Amino acid sequence: MKQKKTSNNIIKSENIKNLMVLEHRYLLKIILLLFFYILAAYFSIYFYDFFGFYGYWISIPLYILAGASLHAICLFTHEGVHGTLHKQIWVNNFIGSVSGYLVLQSLAGYRVLHLKHHTYLNIEGDPGLLKTYVSNKYIIAIMEWGYFLFGYIAFLSIIPYQGFKQGSKKDKILIIKDIIFIILFIWFIINIIPRNWLIHGWLIPMIFVHFMMNIRGMSQHLMLENYHDPYKGARTIKAHPIVDFFLCNENYHIEHHLYPNIPWYNLKKLHEIIKEDLKKQNSTIIFSFREFIVQFINKSVKSLIA
């Protein structure tokens, strides 16, 4: 029995190791996402030109699709931080950086803070842990709702600033480089891109990107801050396959924290391999973002009246 258990562990370890192998063909997903994004932007402009003001309302599903596609592309910045995009580091960093520029995000600044987040999950030193900054439950509740409503707007300045403050000399140079390219991108979309494309193809979809960023970010660790162990300090959301597609499986967040070197396209396979371990550890696994939002609202109300 012991021998069998050992053999199973060896097989499991080997299977997990195989999941760390990078497959460059998955980068083609960026092209598919760009296709969805451009298609949605094009038809939203068409409906606005044809229906006028009512085109805004008719195009809401298209704005959501464009926003979801942009959000999915920017998740390749996260993969770039972990070096899981390409075996060539310069290609990895180039793709990760450009994916971030589309939503005004700095790969270099994000890398400094995100790698610290992995090292210091839910303890002092974790840049994303609110209780390291304040202890008053009312202020924490306000900050959580601030995160929910305005988080990404704040992070656009906080990430490069804190990354610059906490990073090495090399990090600082790379953050300055990112800021320069982000400024150039802003100049380009304001001065070169036609006004309709700017409004319908970027500004309005970015509203949806903003809320997708906030909800995804909050869902990963909120209400689990007392645990440093990834099995209990992170949350996996087994959502609809369409949601998984546009989140690049980042909703399998326990799995990501346990094995950050496994690329996004193998996280669901990893889940199947370790699901019994997750069950034994009583890990938090839910089945929709709606479920998380309801839990968050209930928690906020209870913490304020307690």
C-alpha atoms as a PDB file:
ATOM      1  CA  MET A   1       0.000   0.000   0.000  1.00  0.00           C
ATOM      2  CA  LYS A   2       2.836   2.345   0.924  1.00  0.00           C
ATOM      3  CA  GLN A   3       4.643   1.444  -2.314  1.00  0.00           C
ATOM      4  CA  LYS A   4       1.502   2.202  -4.319  1.00  0.00           C
ATOM      5  CA  LYS A   5       1.119   5.552  -2.575  1.00  0.00           C
ATOM      6  CA  THR A   6       4.721   6.430  -3.355  1.00  0.00           C
ATOM      7  CA  SER A   7       4.273   5.417  -7.004  1.00  0.00           C
ATOM      8  CA  ASN A   8       1.158   7.591  -7.268  1.00  0.00           C
ATOM      9  CA  ASN A   9       3.075  10.553  -5.847  1.00  0.00           C
ATOM     10  CA  ILE A  10       5.889  10.046  -8.355  1.00  0.00           C
ATOM     11  CA  ILE A  11       3.396   9.902 -11.241  1.00  0.00           C
ATOM     12  CA  LYS A  12       1.628  13.017  -9.949  1.00  0.00           C
ATOM     13  CA  SER A  13       4.936  14.914  -9.636  1.00  0.00           C
ATOM     14  CA  GLU A  14       5.912  13.895 -13.153  1.00  0.00           C
ATOM     15  CA  ASN A  15       2.543  14.985 -14.542  1.00  0.00           C
ATOM     16  CA  ILE A  16       2.841  18.351 -12.811  1.00  0.00           C
ATOM     17  CA  LYS A  17       6.373  18.788 -14.117  1.00  0.00           C
ATOM     18  CA  ASN A  18       5.118  18.156 -17.663  1.00  0.00           C
ATOM     19  CA  LEU A  19       2.591  20.975 -17.244  1.00  0.00           C
ATOM     20  CA  MET A  20       5.453  23.468 -16.831  1.00  0.00           C
ATOM     21  CA  VAL A  21       6.581  22.957 -20.431  1.00  0.00           C
ATOM     22  CA  LEU A  22       5.900  26.107 -22.484  1.00  0.00           C
ATOM     23  CA  GLU A  23       3.958  25.715 -25.738  1.00  0.00           C
ATOM     24  CA  HIS A  24       4.311  28.795 -27.933  1.00  0.00           C
ATOM     25  CA  ARG A  25       1.245  27.926 -30.035  1.00  0.00           C
ATOM     26  CA  TYR A  26      -0.967  29.253 -27.241  1.00  0.00           C
ATOM     27  CA  LEU A  27       0.288  32.759 -28.019  1.00  0.00           C
ATOM     28  CA  LEU A  28      -2.040  32.592 -31.033  1.00  0.00           C
ATOM     29  CA  LYS A  29      -4.849  33.260 -28.573  1.00  0.00           C
ATOM     30  CA  ILE A  30      -3.773  36.919 -28.612  1.00  0.00           C
ATOM     31  CA  ILE A  31      -4.636  37.072 -32.334  1.00  0.00           C
ATOM     32  CA  LEU A  32      -8.058  35.530 -31.655  1.00  0.00           C
ATOM     33  CA  LEU A  33      -8.693  38.033 -28.851  1.00  0.00           C
ATOM     34  CA  LEU A  34      -7.637  40.926 -31.095  1.00  0.00           C
ATOM     35  CA  PHE A  35     -10.086  39.642 -33.717  1.00  0.00           C
ATOM     36  CA  PHE A  36     -12.947  39.624 -31.164  1.00  0.00           C
ATOM     37  CA  TYR A  37     -11.902  43.070 -29.959  1.00  0.00           C
ATOM     38  CA  ILE A  38     -11.714  44.684 -33.413  1.00  0.00           C
ATOM     39  CA  LEU A  39     -14.957  42.990 -34.527  1.00  0.00           C
ATOM     40  CA  ALA A  40     -16.823  44.246 -31.449  1.00  0.00           C
ATOM     41  CA  ALA A  41     -15.394  47.761 -31.808  1.00  0.00           C
ATOM     42  CA  TYR A  42     -16.230  47.901 -35.523  1.00  0.00           C
ATOM     43  CA  PHE A  43     -19.883  46.914 -35.069  1.00  0.00           C
ATOM     44  CA  SER A  44     -20.366  49.188 -32.054  1.00  0.00           C
ATOM     45  CA  ILE A  45     -19.206  52.112 -34.246  1.00  0.00           C
ATOM     46  CA  TYR A  46     -21.480  50.912 -37.057  1.00  0.00           C
ATOM     47  CA  PHE A  47     -24.518  50.777 -34.737  1.00  0.00           C
ATOM     48  CA  TYR A  48     -23.732  54.223 -33.340  1.00  0.00           C
ATOM     49  CA  ASP A  49     -23.441  55.696 -36.849  1.00  0.00           C
ATOM     50  CA  PHE A  50     -26.725  54.028 -37.869  1.00  0.00           C
ATOM     51  CA  PHE A  51     -28.849  54.463 -34.722  1.00  0.00           C
ATOM     52  CA  GLY A  52     -27.241  57.519 -33.125  1.00  0.00           C
ATOM     53  CA  PHE A  53     -27.672  57.734 -29.343  1.00  0.00           C
ATOM     54  CA  TYR A  54     -29.570  54.422 -29.236  1.00  0.00           C
ATOM     55  CA  GLY A  55     -26.504  52.770 -30.702  1.00  0.00           C
ATOM     56  CA  TYR A  56     -24.871  53.032 -27.278  1.00  0.00           C
ATOM     57  CA  TRP A  57     -27.546  50.807 -25.748  1.00  0.00           C
ATOM     58  CA  ILE A  58     -27.654  48.384 -28.656  1.00  0.00           C
ATOM     59  CA  SER A  59     -23.871  48.031 -28.470  1.00  0.00           C
ATOM     60  CA  ILE A  60     -23.621  47.136 -24.766  1.00  0.00           C
ATOM     61  CA  PRO A  61     -22.971  43.420 -25.522  1.00  0.00           C
ATOM     62  CA  LEU A  62     -20.292  44.524 -28.008  1.00  0.00           C
ATOM     63  CA  TYR A  63     -18.673  46.823 -25.443  1.00  0.00           C
ATOM     64  CA  ILE A  64     -18.605  43.914 -23.005  1.00  0.00           C
ATOM     65  CA  LEU A  65     -17.009  41.666 -25.646  1.00  0.00           C
ATOM     66  CA  ALA A  66     -14.413  44.321 -26.499  1.00  0.00           C
ATOM     67  CA  GLY A  67     -13.702  44.879 -22.796  1.00  0.00           C
ATOM     68  CA  ALA A  68     -13.453  41.152 -22.084  1.00  0.00           C
ATOM     69  CA  SER A  69     -11.039  40.748 -25.007  1.00  0.00           C
ATOM     70  CA  LEU A  70      -8.849  43.654 -23.863  1.00  0.00           C
ATOM     71  CA  HIS A  71      -8.903  42.301 -20.314  1.00  0.00           C
ATOM     72  CA  ALA A  72      -7.881  38.856 -21.552  1.00  0.00           C
ATOM     73  CA  ILE A  73      -4.998  40.322 -23.558  1.00  0.00           C
ATOM     74  CA  CYS A  74      -3.707  42.234 -20.540  1.00  0.00           C
ATOM     75  CA  LEU A  75      -3.591  38.974 -18.572  1.00  0.00           C
ATOM     76  CA  PHE A  76      -0.637  38.056 -20.769  1.00  0.00           C
ATOM     77  CA  THR A  77       1.193  40.740 -18.772  1.00  0.00           C
ATOM     78  CA  HIS A  78       0.655  38.562 -15.708  1.00  0.00           C
ATOM     79  CA  GLU A  79       2.040  35.571 -17.577  1.00  0.00           C
ATOM     80  CA  GLY A  80       5.004  37.699 -18.625  1.00  0.00           C
ATOM     81  CA  VAL A  81       5.763  38.434 -14.968  1.00  0.00           C
ATOM     82  CA  HIS A  82       6.104  34.687 -14.350  1.00  0.00           C
ATOM     83  CA  GLY A  83       8.058  34.062 -17.549  1.00  0.00           C
ATOM     84  CA  THR A  84       5.464  31.643 -18.929  1.00  0.00           C
ATOM     85  CA  LEU A  85       4.879  33.264 -22.335  1.00  0.00           C
ATOM     86  CA  HIS A  86       8.022  32.319 -24.230  1.00  0.00           C
ATOM     87  CA  LYS A  87      11.310  30.516 -23.637  1.00  0.00           C
ATOM     88  CA  GLN A  88      13.204  33.570 -24.911  1.00  0.00           C
ATOM     89  CA  ILE A  89      13.083  36.080 -22.049  1.00  0.00           C
ATOM     90  CA  TRP A  90      13.153  39.137 -24.340  1.00  0.00           C
ATOM     91  CA  VAL A  91      10.159  37.789 -26.309  1.00  0.00           C
ATOM     92  CA  ASN A  92       8.377  37.019 -23.035  1.00  0.00           C
ATOM     93  CA  ASN A  93       8.973  40.569 -21.763  1.00  0.00           C
ATOM     94  CA  PHE A  94       8.067  42.201 -25.092  1.00  0.00           C
ATOM     95  CA  ILE A  95       4.705  40.420 -25.346  1.00  0.00           C
ATOM     96  CA  GLY A  96       3.976  41.002 -21.657  1.00  0.00           C
ATOM     97  CA  SER A  97       4.830  44.705 -21.912  1.00  0.00           C
ATOM     98  CA  VAL A  98       2.815  45.438 -25.076  1.00  0.00           C
ATOM     99  CA  SER A  99      -0.185  43.546 -23.658  1.00  0.00           C
ATOM    100  CA  GLY A 100      -0.020  45.833 -20.633  1.00  0.00           C
ATOM    101  CA  TYR A 101       0.310  49.077 -22.592  1.00  0.00           C
ATOM    102  CA  LEU A 102      -3.132  48.504 -24.148  1.00  0.00           C
ATOM    103  CA  VAL A 103      -4.679  49.003 -20.688  1.00  0.00           C
ATOM    104  CA  LEU A 104      -2.006  51.465 -19.405  1.00  0.00           C
ATOM    105  CA  GLN A 105      -0.281  48.854 -17.244  1.00  0.00           C
ATOM    106  CA  SER A 106       3.461  48.616 -16.505  1.00  0.00           C
ATOM    107  CA  LEU A 107       4.886  45.096 -16.669  1.00  0.00           C
ATOM    108  CA  ALA A 108       8.016  46.156 -14.769  1.00  0.00           C
ATOM    109  CA  GLY A 109       6.085  47.824 -11.938  1.00  0.00           C
ATOM    110  CA  TYR A 110       3.625  44.961 -11.726  1.00  0.00           C
ATOM    111  CA  ARG A 111       6.465  42.411 -11.627  1.00  0.00           C
ATOM    112  CA  VAL A 112       8.049  43.990  -8.530  1.00  0.00           C
ATOM    113  CA  LEU A 113       4.794  43.967  -6.552  1.00  0.00           C
ATOM    114  CA  HIS A 114       3.323  40.727  -7.867  1.00  0.00           C
ATOM    115  CA  LEU A 115       6.363  38.579  -7.098  1.00  0.00           C
ATOM    116  CA  LYS A 116       6.356  40.022  -3.563  1.00  0.00           C
ATOM    117  CA  HIS A 117       2.685  39.098  -3.338  1.00  0.00           C
ATOM    118  CA  HIS A 118       3.573  35.483  -4.124  1.00  0.00           C
ATOM    119  CA  THR A 119       6.385  35.442  -1.556  1.00  0.00           C
ATOM    120  CA  TYR A 120       4.474  37.160   1.251  1.00  0.00           C
ATOM    121  CA  LEU A 121       0.941  35.919   0.536  1.00  0.00           C
ATOM    122  CA  ASN A 122      -1.432  37.446   3.116  1.00  0.00           C
ATOM    123  CA  ILE A 123       1.342  38.404   5.555  1.00  0.00           C
ATOM    124  CA  GLU A 124       3.346  41.581   6.158  1.00  0.00           C
ATOM    125  CA  GLY A 125       5.152  42.401   2.939  1.00  0.00           C
ATOM    126  CA  ASP A 126       2.232  41.471   0.661  1.00  0.00           C
ATOM    127  CA  PRO A 127       1.531  44.684  -1.328  1.00  0.00           C
ATOM    128  CA  GLY A 128      -2.101  43.672  -1.851  1.00  0.00           C
ATOM    129  CA  LEU A 129      -2.996  43.059   1.805  1.00  0.00           C
ATOM    130  CA  LEU A 130      -5.104  45.941   3.143  1.00  0.00           C
ATOM    131  CA  LYS A 131      -4.619  45.100   6.822  1.00  0.00           C
ATOM    132  CA  THR A 132      -0.881  45.789   6.492  1.00  0.00           C
ATOM    133  CA  TYR A 133      -1.813  49.446   5.932  1.00  0.00           C
ATOM    134  CA  VAL A 134      -4.768  49.922   8.308  1.00  0.00           C
ATOM    135  CA  SER A 135      -6.373  47.972  11.149  1.00  0.00           C
ATOM    136  CA  ASN A 136      -9.713  49.758  11.622  1.00  0.00           C
ATOM    137  CA  LYS A 137     -12.477  47.489  10.295  1.00  0.00           C
ATOM    138  CA  TYR A 138     -14.562  50.431   9.049  1.00  0.00           C
ATOM    139  CA  ILE A 139     -11.666  51.888   7.065  1.00  0.00           C
ATOM    140  CA  ILE A 140     -10.874  48.419   5.671  1.00  0.00           C
ATOM    141  CA  ALA A 141     -14.531  48.034   4.587  1.00  0.00           C
ATOM    142  CA  ILE A 142     -14.410  51.444   2.867  1.00  0.00           C
ATOM    143  CA  MET A 143     -11.126  50.509   1.150  1.00  0.00           C
ATOM    144  CA  GLU A 144     -12.609  47.208  -0.029  1.00  0.00           C
ATOM    145  CA  TRP A 145     -15.566  49.018  -1.585  1.00  0.00           C
ATOM    146  CA  GLY A 146     -13.133  51.560  -3.014  1.00  0.00           C
ATOM    147  CA  TYR A 147     -11.267  48.645  -4.589  1.00  0.00           C
ATOM    148  CA  PHE A 148     -14.528  47.226  -5.934  1.00  0.00           C
ATOM    149  CA  LEU A 149     -15.605  50.525  -7.511  1.00  0.00           C
ATOM    150  CA  PHE A 150     -12.377  52.361  -8.351  1.00  0.00           C
ATOM    151  CA  GLY A 151      -9.534  49.878  -7.848  1.00  0.00           C
ATOM    152  CA  TYR A 152      -8.029  49.768 -11.304  1.00  0.00           C
ATOM    153  CA  ILE A 153      -7.991  53.567 -11.670  1.00  0.00           C
ATOM    154  CA  ALA A 154      -5.970  53.768  -8.445  1.00  0.00           C
ATOM    155  CA  PHE A 155      -3.660  50.920  -9.463  1.00  0.00           C
ATOM    156  CA  LEU A 156      -2.670  52.706 -12.680  1.00  0.00           C
ATOM    157  CA  SER A 157      -0.633  55.095 -10.537  1.00  0.00           C
ATOM    158  CA  ILE A 158       0.026  52.931  -7.458  1.00  0.00           C
ATOM    159  CA  ILE A 159       1.647  50.034  -9.346  1.00  0.00           C
ATOM    160  CA  PRO A 160       4.385  52.031 -11.131  1.00  0.00           C
ATOM    161  CA  TYR A 161       4.913  54.275  -8.082  1.00  0.00           C
ATOM    162  CA  GLN A 162       5.253  51.444  -5.549  1.00  0.00           C
ATOM    163  CA  GLY A 163       7.165  49.301  -8.038  1.00  0.00           C
ATOM    164  CA  PHE A 164       9.640  52.158  -8.534  1.00  0.00           C
ATOM    165  CA  LYS A 165       9.877  52.729  -4.785  1.00  0.00           C
ATOM    166  CA  GLN A 166      10.430  49.060  -3.900  1.00  0.00           C
ATOM    167  CA  GLY A 167      12.294  47.861  -6.994  1.00  0.00           C
ATOM    168  CA  SER A 168      15.966  47.562  -7.868  1.00  0.00           C
ATOM    169  CA  LYS A 169      17.877  50.013 -10.075  1.00  0.00           C
ATOM    170  CA  LYS A 170      17.121  47.804 -13.093  1.00  0.00           C
ATOM    171  CA  ASP A 171      13.419  47.713 -12.159  1.00  0.00           C
ATOM    172  CA  LYS A 172      13.362  51.514 -11.938  1.00  0.00           C
ATOM    173  CA  ILE A 173      14.841  51.876 -15.436  1.00  0.00           C
ATOM    174  CA  LEU A 174      12.303  49.413 -16.861  1.00  0.00           C
ATOM    175  CA  ILE A 175       9.406  51.181 -15.112  1.00  0.00           C
ATOM    176  CA  ILE A 176      10.504  54.531 -16.596  1.00  0.00           C
ATOM    177  CA  LYS A 177      10.650  52.825 -20.008  1.00  0.00           C
ATOM    178  CA  ASP A 178       7.106  51.494 -19.517  1.00  0.00           C
ATOM    179  CA  ILE A 179       5.805  54.927 -18.486  1.00  0.00           C
ATOM    180  CA  ILE A 180       7.335  56.506 -21.609  1.00  0.00           C
ATOM    181  CA  PHE A 181       5.682  53.906 -23.861  1.00  0.00           C
ATOM    182  CA  ILE A 182       2.340  54.281 -22.060  1.00  0.00           C
ATOM    183  CA  ILE A 183       2.488  58.066 -22.601  1.00  0.00           C
ATOM    184  CA  LEU A 184       3.285  57.466 -26.287  1.00  0.00           C
ATOM    185  CA  PHE A 185       0.336  55.041 -26.513  1.00  0.00           C
ATOM    186  CA  ILE A 186      -1.991  57.654 -24.981  1.00  0.00           C
ATOM    187  CA  TRP A 187      -0.693  60.286 -27.430  1.00  0.00           C
ATOM    188  CA  PHE A 188      -1.246  57.863 -30.308  1.00  0.00           C
ATOM    189  CA  ILE A 189      -4.855  56.967 -29.478  1.00  0.00           C
ATOM    190  CA  ILE A 190      -5.756  60.622 -28.857  1.00  0.00           C
ATOM    191  CA  ASN A 191      -4.055  62.136 -31.904  1.00  0.00           C
ATOM    192  CA  ILE A 192      -3.968  59.377 -34.522  1.00  0.00           C
ATOM    193  CA  ILE A 193      -6.913  57.052 -33.850  1.00  0.00           C
ATOM    194  CA  PRO A 194     -10.269  58.340 -35.248  1.00  0.00           C
ATOM    195  CA  ARG A 195     -12.520  59.777 -32.527  1.00  0.00           C
ATOM    196  CA  ASN A 196     -15.223  57.112 -32.929  1.00  0.00           C
ATOM    197  CA  TRP A 197     -12.644  54.342 -32.529  1.00  0.00           C
ATOM    198  CA  LEU A 198     -11.243  56.063 -29.446  1.00  0.00           C
ATOM    199  CA  ILE A 199     -14.667  56.301 -27.807  1.00  0.00           C
ATOM    200  CA  HIS A 200     -16.314  53.032 -28.880  1.00  0.00           C
ATOM    201  CA  GLY A 201     -13.175  50.959 -29.344  1.00  0.00           C
ATOM    202  CA  TRP A 202     -11.240  51.928 -26.226  1.00  0.00           C
ATOM    203  CA  LEU A 203     -12.774  54.355 -23.718  1.00  0.00           C
ATOM    204  CA  ILE A 204     -16.126  52.584 -23.257  1.00  0.00           C
ATOM    205  CA  PRO A 205     -14.632  49.036 -23.310  1.00  0.00           C
ATOM    206  CA  MET A 206     -12.103  50.234 -20.699  1.00  0.00           C
ATOM    207  CA  ILE A 207     -14.988  50.868 -18.292  1.00  0.00           C
ATOM    208  CA  PHE A 208     -15.776  47.157 -18.467  1.00  0.00           C
ATOM    209  CA  VAL A 209     -12.070  46.269 -18.250  1.00  0.00           C
ATOM    210  CA  HIS A 210     -11.943  48.339 -15.062  1.00  0.00           C
ATOM    211  CA  PHE A 211     -14.700  46.381 -13.320  1.00  0.00           C
ATOM    212  CA  MET A 212     -13.459  43.027 -14.623  1.00  0.00           C
ATOM    213  CA  MET A 213     -10.031  43.830 -13.178  1.00  0.00           C
ATOM    214  CA  ASN A 214     -11.504  44.839  -9.834  1.00  0.00           C
ATOM    215  CA  ILE A 215     -13.787  41.832  -9.383  1.00  0.00           C
ATOM    216  CA  ARG A 216     -11.158  39.355 -10.575  1.00  0.00           C
ATOM    217  CA  GLY A 217      -8.518  40.856  -8.288  1.00  0.00           C
ATOM    218  CA  MET A 218     -10.772  40.921  -5.229  1.00  0.00           C
ATOM    219  CA  SER A 219     -12.032  37.384  -5.774  1.00  0.00           C
ATOM    220  CA  GLN A 220      -8.560  35.882  -5.540  1.00  0.00           C
ATOM    221  CA  HIS A 221      -7.863  36.444  -1.824  1.00  0.00           C
ATOM    222  CA  LEU A 222     -10.512  38.628  -0.170  1.00  0.00           C
ATOM    223  CA  MET A 223     -11.996  37.061   3.008  1.00  0.00           C
ATOM    224  CA  LEU A 224      -9.089  34.580   3.091  1.00  0.00           C
ATOM    225  CA  GLU A 225      -6.466  37.019   4.402  1.00  0.00           C
ATOM    226  CA  ASN A 226      -5.789  35.060   7.595  1.00  0.00           C
ATOM    227  CA  TYR A 227      -4.026  32.271   5.706  1.00  0.00           C
ATOM    228  CA  HIS A 228      -0.493  32.365   4.305  1.00  0.00           C
ATOM    229  CA  ASP A 229      -0.841  28.821   2.933  1.00  0.00           C
ATOM    230  CA  PRO A 230      -2.015  29.014  -0.737  1.00  0.00           C
ATOM    231  CA  TYR A 231      -4.353  26.059  -0.140  1.00  0.00           C
ATOM    232  CA  LYS A 232      -6.405  28.271   2.177  1.00  0.00           C
ATOM    233  CA  GLY A 233      -5.252  31.800   1.334  1.00  0.00           C
ATOM    234  CA  ALA A 234      -6.433  31.837  -2.293  1.00  0.00           C
ATOM    235  CA  ARG A 235      -9.726  31.069  -4.032  1.00  0.00           C
ATOM    236  CA  THR A 236     -10.466  29.038  -7.148  1.00  0.00           C
ATOM    237  CA  ILE A 237     -13.607  29.832  -9.131  1.00  0.00           C
ATOM    238  CA  LYS A 238     -14.713  27.043 -11.478  1.00  0.00           C
ATOM    239  CA  ALA A 239     -16.745  29.262 -13.762  1.00  0.00           C
ATOM    240  CA  HIS A 240     -18.417  28.811 -17.143  1.00  0.00           C
ATOM    241  CA  PRO A 241     -15.970  27.814 -19.933  1.00  0.00           C
ATOM    242  CA  ILE A 242     -16.543  31.182 -21.644  1.00  0.00           C
ATOM    243  CA  VAL A 243     -15.497  32.953 -18.437  1.00  0.00           C
ATOM    244  CA  ASP A 244     -12.459  30.674 -18.176  1.00  0.00           C
ATOM    245  CA  PHE A 245     -11.556  31.570 -21.762  1.00  0.00           C
ATOM    246  CA  PHE A 246     -11.616  35.331 -21.198  1.00  0.00           C
ATOM    247  CA  LEU A 247      -9.847  35.036 -17.834  1.00  0.00           C
ATOM    248  CA  CYS A 248      -7.119  32.798 -19.261  1.00  0.00           C
ATOM    249  CA  ASN A 249      -7.869  30.387 -16.380  1.00  0.00           C
ATOM    250  CA  GLU A 250      -6.530  32.877 -13.832  1.00  0.00           C
ATOM    251  CA  ASN A 251      -9.645  32.119 -11.791  1.00  0.00           C
ATOM    252  CA  TYR A 252      -7.878  28.834 -10.931  1.00  0.00           C
ATOM    253  CA  HIS A 253      -5.947  30.872  -8.437  1.00  0.00           C
ATOM    254  CA  ILE A 254      -5.045  28.328  -5.767  1.00  0.00           C
ATOM    255  CA  GLU A 255      -3.408  26.281  -8.483  1.00  0.00           C
ATOM    256  CA  HIS A 256      -1.521  29.332  -9.739  1.00  0.00           C
ATOM    257  CA  HIS A 257      -0.132  30.131  -6.290  1.00  0.00           C
ATOM    258  CA  LEU A 258       0.923  26.545  -5.701  1.00  0.00           C
ATOM    259  CA  TYR A 259       2.685  26.314  -9.074  1.00  0.00           C
ATOM    260  CA  PRO A 260       3.299  29.831 -10.493  1.00  0.00           C
ATOM    261  CA  ASN A 261       5.598  28.431 -13.202  1.00  0.00           C
ATOM    262  CA  ILE A 262       2.749  26.527 -14.832  1.00  0.00           C
ATOM    263  CA  PRO A 263       1.338  28.548 -17.778  1.00  0.00           C
ATOM    264  CA  TRP A 264      -2.306  29.593 -17.885  1.00  0.00           C
ATOM    265  CA  TYR A 265      -3.384  26.958 -20.423  1.00  0.00           C
ATOM    266  CA  ASN A 266      -2.423  24.111 -18.071  1.00  0.00           C
ATOM    267  CA  LEU A 267      -4.064  25.351 -14.868  1.00  0.00           C
ATOM    268  CA  LYS A 268      -7.296  23.410 -15.436  1.00  0.00           C
ATOM    269  CA  LYS A 269      -5.259  20.248 -16.027  1.00  0.00           C
ATOM    270  CA  LEU A 270      -3.373  20.983 -12.815  1.00  0.00           C
ATOM    271  CA  HIS A 271      -6.684  21.331 -10.991  1.00  0.00           C
ATOM    272  CA  GLU A 272      -7.705  17.837 -12.071  1.00  0.00           C
ATOM    273  CA  ILE A 273      -4.391  16.405 -10.844  1.00  0.00           C
ATOM    274  CA  ILE A 274      -4.514  18.024  -7.388  1.00  0.00           C
ATOM    275  CA  LYS A 275      -8.274  18.259  -6.777  1.00  0.00           C
ATOM    276  CA  GLU A 276      -8.165  15.563  -4.084  1.00  0.00           C
ATOM    277  CA  ASP A 277      -5.442  17.520  -2.280  1.00  0.00           C
ATOM    278  CA  LEU A 278      -7.608  20.639  -2.483  1.00  0.00           C
ATOM    279  CA  LYS A 279     -10.511  18.709  -1.000  1.00  0.00           C
ATOM    280  CA  LYS A 280      -8.373  17.388   1.874  1.00  0.00           C
ATOM    281  CA  GLN A 281      -7.072  20.887   2.597  1.00  0.00           C
ATOM    282  CA  ASN A 282     -10.640  22.249   2.605  1.00  0.00           C
ATOM    283  CA  SER A 283      -9.645  24.835   0.005  1.00  0.00           C
ATOM    284  CA  THR A 284     -12.112  27.509  -1.065  1.00  0.00           C
ATOM    285  CA  ILE A 285     -13.599  26.535  -4.419  1.00  0.00           C
ATOM    286  CA  ILE A 286     -16.751  28.239  -5.680  1.00  0.00           C
ATOM    287  CA  PHE A 287     -18.557  28.123  -9.000  1.00  0.00           C
ATOM    288  CA  SER A 288     -19.304  31.690 -10.086  1.00  0.00           C
ATOM    289  CA  PHE A 289     -18.196  35.282  -9.597  1.00  0.00           C
ATOM    290  CA  ARG A 290     -21.766  36.112  -8.629  1.00  0.00           C
ATOM    291  CA  GLU A 291     -21.341  33.785  -5.651  1.00  0.00           C
ATOM    292  CA  PHE A 292     -18.221  35.708  -4.622  1.00  0.00           C
ATOM    293  CA  ILE A 293     -19.928  39.113  -4.965  1.00  0.00           C
ATOM    294  CA  VAL A 294     -22.823  37.956  -2.751  1.00  0.00           C
ATOM    295  CA  GLN A 295     -20.321  36.680  -0.160  1.00  0.00           C
ATOM    296  CA  PHE A 296     -18.440  39.996  -0.302  1.00  0.00           C
ATOM    297  CA  ILE A 297     -21.593  42.081   0.229  1.00  0.00           C
ATOM    298  CA  ASN A 298     -22.725  39.864   3.135  1.00  0.00           C
ATOM    299  CA  LYS A 299     -19.261  40.060   4.709  1.00  0.00           C
ATOM    300  CA  SER A 300     -19.208  43.867   4.387  1.00  0.00           C
ATOM    301  CA  VAL A 301     -22.609  44.237   6.044  1.00  0.00           C
ATOM    302  CA  LYS A 302     -21.737  41.841   8.883  1.00  0.00           C
ATOM    303  CA  SER A 303     -18.371  43.493   9.573  1.00  0.00           C
ATOM    304  CA  LEU A 304     -19.965  46.936   9.794  1.00  0.00           C
ATOM    305  CA  ILE A 305     -22.778  45.956  12.177  1.00  0.00           C
ATOM    306  CA  ALA A 306     -20.677  43.587  14.336  1.00  0.00           C
END
